[in-house]
Amino acid sequence: MELVVVALVVLGVLVVANLLLTGAMVRRLAAHERKFATLGPVFAGPGGLPAGAKVPAFTGETVDGRTVDEGFLGDKPGVIGFFSTTCPGCLEQAPDFAAAVASGTSGFAVVSGDGGDELLRMLESVPVVREPDSGGPIASAFEVDTFPSFFVVEGDMVMSAVLSVEETRELVAK
């Protein structure tokens, strides 16, 4: 009988310890979720037009005076990158985007927001359209709600919306 009581006490202690550890983990996960929520859309999924959507009509002027519109990329696959001057992830991906476009992929960048001198320097080899805020005409036409966002387009169709230059390169190479 004493053995059963000892076993029940040990089992009770283990159950209470398990409950305490589970509660601590739930609190910790909730704290991390609140922390990531304050970081904004950097960790969001791709937003905007879905694959297969028709490229919307748009017109913009690059900082060097060229006009870009829905026919700018031609019939070969190309990429349109959307960047924000307040987005840390945009600074990380801008050099790779510029290198992808410089390596022969047709494309241009849309930069939303004021300032952003460092971002513009990283994109100097790419045609860049400036928009005053994230609700500018081209970003609105593509329904962009996450920065950076990249759209692989071919002809008049959106092939894919992605969040990384690596995914963009893979899709353009296909």
N, C-alpha and C. Protein backbone atom coordinates (compact mmCIF):
# COMPACT_ATOMS: atom_id res chain seq x y z
N MET A 1 0.82 -1.19 0.00
CA MET A 1 0.00 0.00 0.00
C MET A 1 0.86 1.26 0.00
N GLU A 2 1.98 1.21 0.75
CA GLU A 2 2.86 2.36 0.80
C GLU A 2 3.44 2.66 -0.58
N LEU A 3 3.72 1.62 -1.36
CA LEU A 3 4.27 1.78 -2.69
C LEU A 3 3.29 2.51 -3.62
N VAL A 4 2.00 2.22 -3.50
CA VAL A 4 0.97 2.88 -4.32
C VAL A 4 0.89 4.36 -3.95
N VAL A 5 0.94 4.68 -2.67
CA VAL A 5 0.89 6.08 -2.23
C VAL A 5 2.10 6.85 -2.76
N VAL A 6 3.29 6.25 -2.67
CA VAL A 6 4.50 6.90 -3.17
C VAL A 6 4.39 7.12 -4.68
N ALA A 7 3.89 6.12 -5.41
CA ALA A 7 3.74 6.23 -6.86
C ALA A 7 2.76 7.35 -7.21
N LEU A 8 1.66 7.45 -6.48
CA LEU A 8 0.67 8.51 -6.73
C LEU A 8 1.24 9.90 -6.42
N VAL A 9 2.01 10.02 -5.37
CA VAL A 9 2.63 11.30 -5.02
C VAL A 9 3.63 11.72 -6.11
N VAL A 10 4.45 10.76 -6.55
CA VAL A 10 5.42 11.05 -7.61
C VAL A 10 4.69 11.44 -8.88
N LEU A 11 3.63 10.71 -9.23
CA LEU A 11 2.85 11.04 -10.41
C LEU A 11 2.22 12.43 -10.29
N GLY A 12 1.70 12.76 -9.14
CA GLY A 12 1.11 14.08 -8.91
C GLY A 12 2.13 15.19 -9.07
N VAL A 13 3.33 14.99 -8.55
CA VAL A 13 4.40 15.97 -8.67
C VAL A 13 4.77 16.16 -10.14
N LEU A 14 4.87 15.05 -10.89
CA LEU A 14 5.20 15.14 -12.31
C LEU A 14 4.11 15.88 -13.10
N VAL A 15 2.84 15.64 -12.78
CA VAL A 15 1.73 16.31 -13.47
C VAL A 15 1.77 17.81 -13.19
N VAL A 16 1.99 18.19 -11.95
CA VAL A 16 2.07 19.62 -11.60
C VAL A 16 3.27 20.27 -12.30
N ALA A 17 4.41 19.61 -12.33
CA ALA A 17 5.59 20.15 -13.01
C ALA A 17 5.30 20.31 -14.50
N ASN A 18 4.63 19.34 -15.10
CA ASN A 18 4.28 19.42 -16.52
C ASN A 18 3.35 20.60 -16.77
N LEU A 19 2.35 20.80 -15.93
CA LEU A 19 1.44 21.94 -16.08
C LEU A 19 2.18 23.27 -15.97
N LEU A 20 3.10 23.37 -15.03
CA LEU A 20 3.87 24.61 -14.86
C LEU A 20 4.74 24.90 -16.09
N LEU A 21 5.40 23.87 -16.61
CA LEU A 21 6.23 24.05 -17.79
C LEU A 21 5.39 24.41 -19.01
N THR A 22 4.25 23.78 -19.18
CA THR A 22 3.36 24.10 -20.30
C THR A 22 2.87 25.54 -20.21
N GLY A 23 2.47 25.96 -19.03
CA GLY A 23 2.04 27.35 -18.83
C GLY A 23 3.14 28.34 -19.16
N ALA A 24 4.37 28.03 -18.74
CA ALA A 24 5.51 28.91 -19.04
C ALA A 24 5.75 28.98 -20.54
N MET A 25 5.63 27.86 -21.23
CA MET A 25 5.83 27.86 -22.69
C MET A 25 4.75 28.68 -23.39
N VAL A 26 3.51 28.56 -22.96
CA VAL A 26 2.42 29.32 -23.58
C VAL A 26 2.65 30.82 -23.38
N ARG A 27 3.05 31.22 -22.19
CA ARG A 27 3.34 32.64 -21.94
C ARG A 27 4.49 33.13 -22.81
N ARG A 28 5.50 32.32 -22.95
CA ARG A 28 6.67 32.69 -23.76
C ARG A 28 6.29 32.83 -25.24
N LEU A 29 5.50 31.89 -25.75
CA LEU A 29 5.05 31.98 -27.14
C LEU A 29 4.17 33.21 -27.36
N ALA A 30 3.31 33.52 -26.41
CA ALA A 30 2.47 34.71 -26.53
C ALA A 30 3.32 35.98 -26.55
N ALA A 31 4.37 36.02 -25.74
CA ALA A 31 5.27 37.17 -25.74
C ALA A 31 5.98 37.31 -27.08
N HIS A 32 6.43 36.20 -27.66
CA HIS A 32 7.08 36.26 -28.97
C HIS A 32 6.10 36.71 -30.06
N GLU A 33 4.87 36.23 -29.98
CA GLU A 33 3.87 36.63 -30.98
C GLU A 33 3.62 38.14 -30.90
N ARG A 34 3.52 38.68 -29.69
CA ARG A 34 3.34 40.14 -29.55
C ARG A 34 4.55 40.88 -30.09
N LYS A 35 5.75 40.37 -29.85
CA LYS A 35 6.96 41.01 -30.33
C LYS A 35 7.00 41.03 -31.85
N PHE A 36 6.70 39.91 -32.50
CA PHE A 36 6.72 39.85 -33.96
C PHE A 36 5.60 40.70 -34.57
N ALA A 37 4.47 40.81 -33.89
CA ALA A 37 3.38 41.63 -34.40
C ALA A 37 3.79 43.10 -34.47
N THR A 38 4.67 43.54 -33.56
CA THR A 38 5.12 44.93 -33.57
C THR A 38 6.11 45.20 -34.70
N LEU A 39 6.70 44.15 -35.28
CA LEU A 39 7.66 44.33 -36.36
C LEU A 39 7.00 44.59 -37.70
N GLY A 40 5.69 44.43 -37.77
CA GLY A 40 4.97 44.74 -38.99
C GLY A 40 5.02 43.62 -40.00
N PRO A 41 4.85 43.99 -41.29
CA PRO A 41 4.68 42.98 -42.32
C PRO A 41 5.96 42.31 -42.79
N VAL A 42 7.09 42.54 -42.11
CA VAL A 42 8.33 41.91 -42.54
C VAL A 42 8.20 40.40 -42.54
N PHE A 43 7.40 39.87 -41.62
CA PHE A 43 7.25 38.43 -41.51
C PHE A 43 5.95 37.94 -42.13
N ALA A 44 5.30 38.77 -42.91
CA ALA A 44 4.03 38.39 -43.51
C ALA A 44 4.26 37.57 -44.78
N GLY A 45 3.22 36.96 -45.26
CA GLY A 45 3.28 36.28 -46.53
C GLY A 45 3.16 37.28 -47.65
N PRO A 46 3.41 36.83 -48.88
CA PRO A 46 3.31 37.76 -49.99
C PRO A 46 1.90 38.27 -50.14
N GLY A 47 1.79 39.54 -50.38
CA GLY A 47 0.48 40.14 -50.61
C GLY A 47 0.39 40.64 -52.03
N GLY A 48 -0.74 41.11 -52.40
CA GLY A 48 -0.89 41.66 -53.73
C GLY A 48 -1.59 40.71 -54.67
N LEU A 49 -1.45 41.00 -55.95
CA LEU A 49 -2.12 40.21 -56.98
C LEU A 49 -1.65 38.75 -56.94
N PRO A 50 -2.56 37.81 -57.12
CA PRO A 50 -2.17 36.39 -57.12
C PRO A 50 -1.61 35.97 -58.47
N ALA A 51 -0.94 34.84 -58.48
CA ALA A 51 -0.45 34.28 -59.74
C ALA A 51 -1.63 34.05 -60.67
N GLY A 52 -1.42 34.38 -61.94
CA GLY A 52 -2.46 34.22 -62.94
C GLY A 52 -3.29 35.46 -63.17
N ALA A 53 -3.13 36.46 -62.30
CA ALA A 53 -3.88 37.71 -62.48
C ALA A 53 -3.33 38.49 -63.67
N LYS A 54 -4.16 39.26 -64.27
CA LYS A 54 -3.74 40.11 -65.39
C LYS A 54 -2.97 41.29 -64.80
N VAL A 55 -1.88 41.66 -65.46
CA VAL A 55 -1.10 42.83 -65.01
C VAL A 55 -1.98 44.06 -65.17
N PRO A 56 -2.14 44.85 -64.11
CA PRO A 56 -3.01 46.01 -64.20
C PRO A 56 -2.38 47.12 -65.04
N ALA A 57 -3.23 47.99 -65.54
CA ALA A 57 -2.74 49.16 -66.26
C ALA A 57 -2.10 50.11 -65.25
N PHE A 58 -0.90 50.59 -65.56
CA PHE A 58 -0.23 51.56 -64.70
C PHE A 58 0.74 52.36 -65.55
N THR A 59 1.09 53.51 -65.05
CA THR A 59 2.10 54.35 -65.69
C THR A 59 2.87 55.04 -64.59
N GLY A 60 4.18 55.12 -64.76
CA GLY A 60 5.03 55.82 -63.82
C GLY A 60 6.25 56.36 -64.52
N GLU A 61 6.93 57.25 -63.84
CA GLU A 61 8.15 57.82 -64.40
C GLU A 61 9.31 57.51 -63.48
N THR A 62 10.39 56.99 -64.07
CA THR A 62 11.56 56.66 -63.27
C THR A 62 12.28 57.94 -62.87
N VAL A 63 13.18 57.80 -61.91
CA VAL A 63 13.91 58.98 -61.43
C VAL A 63 14.80 59.57 -62.53
N ASP A 64 15.13 58.76 -63.55
CA ASP A 64 15.94 59.30 -64.65
C ASP A 64 15.08 59.71 -65.85
N GLY A 65 13.75 59.79 -65.67
CA GLY A 65 12.88 60.36 -66.69
C GLY A 65 12.25 59.38 -67.67
N ARG A 66 12.51 58.09 -67.56
CA ARG A 66 11.89 57.12 -68.46
C ARG A 66 10.46 56.81 -67.99
N THR A 67 9.61 56.48 -68.93
CA THR A 67 8.24 56.10 -68.60
C THR A 67 8.15 54.58 -68.52
N VAL A 68 7.53 54.09 -67.46
CA VAL A 68 7.27 52.66 -67.34
C VAL A 68 5.76 52.46 -67.32
N ASP A 69 5.33 51.38 -67.97
CA ASP A 69 3.92 51.02 -67.96
C ASP A 69 3.82 49.50 -68.03
N GLU A 70 2.61 48.99 -68.21
CA GLU A 70 2.43 47.54 -68.19
C GLU A 70 3.17 46.83 -69.33
N GLY A 71 3.56 47.53 -70.38
CA GLY A 71 4.30 46.93 -71.47
C GLY A 71 5.80 47.08 -71.36
N PHE A 72 6.29 47.70 -70.30
CA PHE A 72 7.71 48.03 -70.15
C PHE A 72 8.60 46.78 -70.19
N LEU A 73 8.15 45.68 -69.62
CA LEU A 73 8.98 44.49 -69.52
C LEU A 73 8.96 43.64 -70.79
N GLY A 74 8.03 43.89 -71.70
CA GLY A 74 7.96 43.11 -72.92
C GLY A 74 7.33 41.74 -72.69
N ASP A 75 7.64 40.80 -73.58
CA ASP A 75 7.03 39.47 -73.51
C ASP A 75 7.85 38.46 -72.73
N LYS A 76 9.12 38.76 -72.46
CA LYS A 76 9.94 37.83 -71.67
C LYS A 76 9.63 38.02 -70.19
N PRO A 77 9.88 36.98 -69.37
CA PRO A 77 9.64 37.15 -67.94
C PRO A 77 10.50 38.29 -67.37
N GLY A 78 9.91 39.06 -66.52
CA GLY A 78 10.61 40.14 -65.86
C GLY A 78 10.12 40.26 -64.43
N VAL A 79 10.67 41.20 -63.71
CA VAL A 79 10.33 41.33 -62.30
C VAL A 79 10.11 42.80 -61.94
N ILE A 80 9.12 43.00 -61.09
CA ILE A 80 8.87 44.33 -60.53
C ILE A 80 9.04 44.18 -59.02
N GLY A 81 9.92 45.00 -58.45
CA GLY A 81 10.18 44.94 -57.02
C GLY A 81 9.58 46.15 -56.33
N PHE A 82 8.92 45.93 -55.21
CA PHE A 82 8.32 47.01 -54.42
C PHE A 82 9.08 47.12 -53.12
N PHE A 83 9.62 48.31 -52.85
CA PHE A 83 10.43 48.57 -51.67
C PHE A 83 9.86 49.78 -50.93
N SER A 84 10.11 49.82 -49.64
CA SER A 84 9.72 50.97 -48.82
C SER A 84 10.95 51.53 -48.13
N THR A 85 10.99 52.83 -47.99
CA THR A 85 12.15 53.47 -47.35
C THR A 85 12.19 53.20 -45.85
N THR A 86 11.11 52.68 -45.28
CA THR A 86 11.07 52.40 -43.84
C THR A 86 11.17 50.91 -43.53
N CYS A 87 11.53 50.11 -44.51
CA CYS A 87 11.52 48.65 -44.36
C CYS A 87 12.94 48.11 -44.25
N PRO A 88 13.32 47.52 -43.09
CA PRO A 88 14.66 46.95 -42.95
C PRO A 88 14.92 45.80 -43.93
N GLY A 89 13.92 44.98 -44.20
CA GLY A 89 14.07 43.88 -45.13
C GLY A 89 14.33 44.36 -46.55
N CYS A 90 13.85 45.55 -46.86
CA CYS A 90 14.08 46.11 -48.20
C CYS A 90 15.57 46.40 -48.41
N LEU A 91 16.22 46.91 -47.38
CA LEU A 91 17.65 47.19 -47.49
C LEU A 91 18.44 45.90 -47.67
N GLU A 92 17.98 44.82 -47.06
CA GLU A 92 18.68 43.54 -47.18
C GLU A 92 18.54 42.96 -48.58
N GLN A 93 17.37 43.12 -49.20
CA GLN A 93 17.11 42.46 -50.48
C GLN A 93 17.42 43.34 -51.69
N ALA A 94 17.58 44.64 -51.49
CA ALA A 94 17.81 45.55 -52.62
C ALA A 94 19.06 45.20 -53.43
N PRO A 95 20.21 44.89 -52.81
CA PRO A 95 21.38 44.56 -53.63
C PRO A 95 21.18 43.31 -54.49
N ASP A 96 20.51 42.29 -53.96
CA ASP A 96 20.24 41.09 -54.74
C ASP A 96 19.28 41.37 -55.89
N PHE A 97 18.30 42.23 -55.64
CA PHE A 97 17.36 42.60 -56.70
C PHE A 97 18.09 43.34 -57.81
N ALA A 98 18.92 44.30 -57.43
CA ALA A 98 19.69 45.06 -58.43
C ALA A 98 20.60 44.14 -59.23
N ALA A 99 21.22 43.17 -58.55
CA ALA A 99 22.11 42.23 -59.25
C ALA A 99 21.32 41.35 -60.21
N ALA A 100 20.11 40.93 -59.81
CA ALA A 100 19.28 40.10 -60.68
C ALA A 100 18.90 40.86 -61.94
N VAL A 101 18.52 42.12 -61.79
CA VAL A 101 18.13 42.92 -62.95
C VAL A 101 19.36 43.23 -63.81
N ALA A 102 20.49 43.49 -63.17
CA ALA A 102 21.72 43.79 -63.92
C ALA A 102 22.22 42.57 -64.69
N SER A 103 21.85 41.36 -64.22
CA SER A 103 22.35 40.15 -64.88
C SER A 103 21.51 39.75 -66.10
N GLY A 104 20.61 40.61 -66.51
CA GLY A 104 19.87 40.34 -67.73
C GLY A 104 18.38 40.17 -67.56
N THR A 105 17.89 40.08 -66.35
CA THR A 105 16.46 39.99 -66.12
C THR A 105 15.88 41.39 -66.28
N SER A 106 14.85 41.54 -67.09
CA SER A 106 14.26 42.87 -67.21
C SER A 106 13.45 43.16 -65.95
N GLY A 107 13.41 44.42 -65.56
CA GLY A 107 12.66 44.77 -64.37
C GLY A 107 12.86 46.19 -63.96
N PHE A 108 12.09 46.58 -62.97
CA PHE A 108 12.24 47.90 -62.36
C PHE A 108 11.76 47.83 -60.92
N ALA A 109 12.12 48.85 -60.16
CA ALA A 109 11.77 48.92 -58.75
C ALA A 109 10.82 50.08 -58.51
N VAL A 110 9.92 49.90 -57.57
CA VAL A 110 9.04 50.97 -57.10
C VAL A 110 9.41 51.20 -55.64
N VAL A 111 9.85 52.42 -55.33
CA VAL A 111 10.26 52.76 -53.97
C VAL A 111 9.23 53.71 -53.38
N SER A 112 8.62 53.30 -52.27
CA SER A 112 7.60 54.10 -51.60
C SER A 112 8.19 54.79 -50.38
N GLY A 113 7.81 56.04 -50.20
CA GLY A 113 8.22 56.78 -49.02
C GLY A 113 9.25 57.84 -49.33
N ASP A 114 9.45 58.71 -48.36
CA ASP A 114 10.42 59.80 -48.49
C ASP A 114 11.80 59.34 -48.05
N GLY A 115 12.80 60.07 -48.48
CA GLY A 115 14.17 59.76 -48.09
C GLY A 115 14.64 58.49 -48.77
N GLY A 116 15.30 57.63 -48.01
CA GLY A 116 15.76 56.36 -48.54
C GLY A 116 16.99 56.45 -49.41
N ASP A 117 17.90 57.37 -49.09
CA ASP A 117 19.10 57.55 -49.91
C ASP A 117 19.91 56.26 -50.03
N GLU A 118 20.05 55.52 -48.92
CA GLU A 118 20.83 54.28 -48.95
C GLU A 118 20.16 53.25 -49.87
N LEU A 119 18.85 53.13 -49.76
CA LEU A 119 18.10 52.21 -50.61
C LEU A 119 18.25 52.59 -52.08
N LEU A 120 18.15 53.87 -52.38
CA LEU A 120 18.29 54.32 -53.77
C LEU A 120 19.69 54.07 -54.32
N ARG A 121 20.71 54.22 -53.46
CA ARG A 121 22.08 53.91 -53.90
C ARG A 121 22.21 52.43 -54.26
N MET A 122 21.57 51.57 -53.48
CA MET A 122 21.63 50.13 -53.76
C MET A 122 20.93 49.78 -55.06
N LEU A 123 19.95 50.56 -55.43
CA LEU A 123 19.15 50.28 -56.63
C LEU A 123 19.54 51.16 -57.82
N GLU A 124 20.69 51.84 -57.76
CA GLU A 124 21.03 52.81 -58.80
C GLU A 124 21.19 52.19 -60.18
N SER A 125 21.43 50.90 -60.29
CA SER A 125 21.59 50.26 -61.60
C SER A 125 20.25 49.80 -62.18
N VAL A 126 19.16 50.05 -61.46
CA VAL A 126 17.83 49.58 -61.84
C VAL A 126 16.94 50.80 -62.10
N PRO A 127 16.05 50.75 -63.10
CA PRO A 127 15.07 51.82 -63.22
C PRO A 127 14.21 51.88 -61.94
N VAL A 128 14.09 53.06 -61.35
CA VAL A 128 13.37 53.22 -60.09
C VAL A 128 12.27 54.26 -60.25
N VAL A 129 11.06 53.88 -59.85
CA VAL A 129 9.93 54.79 -59.79
C VAL A 129 9.72 55.14 -58.33
N ARG A 130 9.65 56.44 -58.03
CA ARG A 130 9.38 56.88 -56.64
C ARG A 130 7.90 57.13 -56.47
N GLU A 131 7.35 56.65 -55.36
CA GLU A 131 5.97 56.94 -54.99
C GLU A 131 6.00 57.56 -53.60
N PRO A 132 5.12 58.53 -53.35
CA PRO A 132 5.18 59.25 -52.07
C PRO A 132 4.91 58.37 -50.86
N ASP A 133 4.08 57.35 -51.00
CA ASP A 133 3.80 56.47 -49.87
C ASP A 133 3.42 55.10 -50.39
N SER A 134 3.13 54.17 -49.48
CA SER A 134 2.85 52.79 -49.89
C SER A 134 1.54 52.66 -50.64
N GLY A 135 0.74 53.70 -50.67
CA GLY A 135 -0.52 53.66 -51.41
C GLY A 135 -0.41 54.36 -52.75
N GLY A 136 0.80 54.44 -53.30
CA GLY A 136 1.00 55.09 -54.59
C GLY A 136 0.29 54.35 -55.71
N PRO A 137 0.23 54.95 -56.89
CA PRO A 137 -0.55 54.36 -57.98
C PRO A 137 -0.10 52.97 -58.43
N ILE A 138 1.20 52.72 -58.53
CA ILE A 138 1.65 51.40 -58.98
C ILE A 138 1.48 50.37 -57.87
N ALA A 139 1.86 50.72 -56.66
CA ALA A 139 1.68 49.80 -55.53
C ALA A 139 0.20 49.48 -55.33
N SER A 140 -0.66 50.46 -55.51
CA SER A 140 -2.10 50.21 -55.38
C SER A 140 -2.60 49.32 -56.51
N ALA A 141 -2.10 49.54 -57.72
CA ALA A 141 -2.53 48.72 -58.86
C ALA A 141 -2.17 47.24 -58.64
N PHE A 142 -1.02 46.99 -58.02
CA PHE A 142 -0.60 45.61 -57.74
C PHE A 142 -1.09 45.12 -56.38
N GLU A 143 -1.83 45.97 -55.66
CA GLU A 143 -2.39 45.63 -54.34
C GLU A 143 -1.32 45.22 -53.34
N VAL A 144 -0.17 45.90 -53.39
CA VAL A 144 0.95 45.57 -52.50
C VAL A 144 0.62 46.01 -51.09
N ASP A 145 0.78 45.08 -50.15
CA ASP A 145 0.60 45.42 -48.74
C ASP A 145 1.77 44.94 -47.88
N THR A 146 2.79 44.40 -48.52
CA THR A 146 3.95 43.88 -47.81
C THR A 146 5.21 44.31 -48.54
N PHE A 147 6.19 44.78 -47.79
CA PHE A 147 7.46 45.20 -48.39
C PHE A 147 8.60 44.37 -47.80
N PRO A 148 9.57 43.98 -48.58
CA PRO A 148 9.59 44.07 -50.04
C PRO A 148 8.70 43.00 -50.65
N SER A 149 8.17 43.28 -51.82
CA SER A 149 7.39 42.32 -52.60
C SER A 149 7.92 42.32 -54.01
N PHE A 150 7.89 41.16 -54.63
CA PHE A 150 8.38 41.02 -55.99
C PHE A 150 7.33 40.30 -56.82
N PHE A 151 7.09 40.80 -58.01
CA PHE A 151 6.14 40.18 -58.92
C PHE A 151 6.89 39.76 -60.17
N VAL A 152 6.81 38.48 -60.47
CA VAL A 152 7.34 37.97 -61.72
C VAL A 152 6.20 38.06 -62.71
N VAL A 153 6.44 38.77 -63.82
CA VAL A 153 5.40 38.95 -64.83
C VAL A 153 5.92 38.50 -66.19
N GLU A 154 5.02 38.04 -67.00
CA GLU A 154 5.36 37.69 -68.37
C GLU A 154 4.21 38.13 -69.24
N GLY A 155 4.51 39.02 -70.20
CA GLY A 155 3.46 39.56 -71.05
C GLY A 155 2.46 40.32 -70.21
N ASP A 156 1.20 39.91 -70.26
CA ASP A 156 0.17 40.62 -69.50
C ASP A 156 -0.31 39.84 -68.29
N MET A 157 0.51 38.87 -67.81
CA MET A 157 0.08 38.03 -66.70
C MET A 157 1.09 38.03 -65.55
N VAL A 158 0.56 38.10 -64.33
CA VAL A 158 1.39 37.95 -63.13
C VAL A 158 1.66 36.46 -62.97
N MET A 159 2.94 36.10 -62.99
CA MET A 159 3.30 34.69 -62.84
C MET A 159 3.35 34.28 -61.38
N SER A 160 3.80 35.19 -60.53
CA SER A 160 3.92 34.87 -59.11
C SER A 160 4.19 36.13 -58.31
N ALA A 161 3.77 36.12 -57.06
CA ALA A 161 4.12 37.17 -56.10
C ALA A 161 4.93 36.50 -55.01
N VAL A 162 6.13 37.00 -54.76
CA VAL A 162 7.03 36.36 -53.81
C VAL A 162 7.66 37.39 -52.88
N LEU A 163 8.29 36.90 -51.83
CA LEU A 163 8.93 37.79 -50.86
C LEU A 163 10.45 37.74 -50.88
N SER A 164 11.04 37.05 -51.85
CA SER A 164 12.49 37.02 -51.87
C SER A 164 13.02 37.05 -53.29
N VAL A 165 14.20 37.58 -53.44
CA VAL A 165 14.84 37.64 -54.74
C VAL A 165 15.20 36.23 -55.21
N GLU A 166 15.54 35.34 -54.28
CA GLU A 166 15.89 33.97 -54.64
C GLU A 166 14.72 33.29 -55.35
N GLU A 167 13.51 33.41 -54.78
CA GLU A 167 12.34 32.83 -55.42
C GLU A 167 12.10 33.47 -56.79
N THR A 168 12.35 34.77 -56.88
CA THR A 168 12.17 35.48 -58.14
C THR A 168 13.11 34.93 -59.20
N ARG A 169 14.37 34.75 -58.84
CA ARG A 169 15.36 34.22 -59.81
C ARG A 169 14.95 32.84 -60.30
N GLU A 170 14.47 31.98 -59.39
CA GLU A 170 14.06 30.64 -59.78
C GLU A 170 12.90 30.69 -60.78
N LEU A 171 11.93 31.58 -60.53
CA LEU A 171 10.77 31.66 -61.40
C LEU A 171 11.12 32.24 -62.78
N VAL A 172 12.01 33.23 -62.81
CA VAL A 172 12.39 33.84 -64.08
C VAL A 172 13.21 32.86 -64.91
N ALA A 173 14.00 32.00 -64.25
CA ALA A 173 14.84 31.04 -64.96
C ALA A 173 14.02 29.92 -65.61
N LYS A 174 12.80 29.69 -65.16
CA LYS A 174 11.97 28.58 -65.69
C LYS A 174 11.53 28.84 -67.10
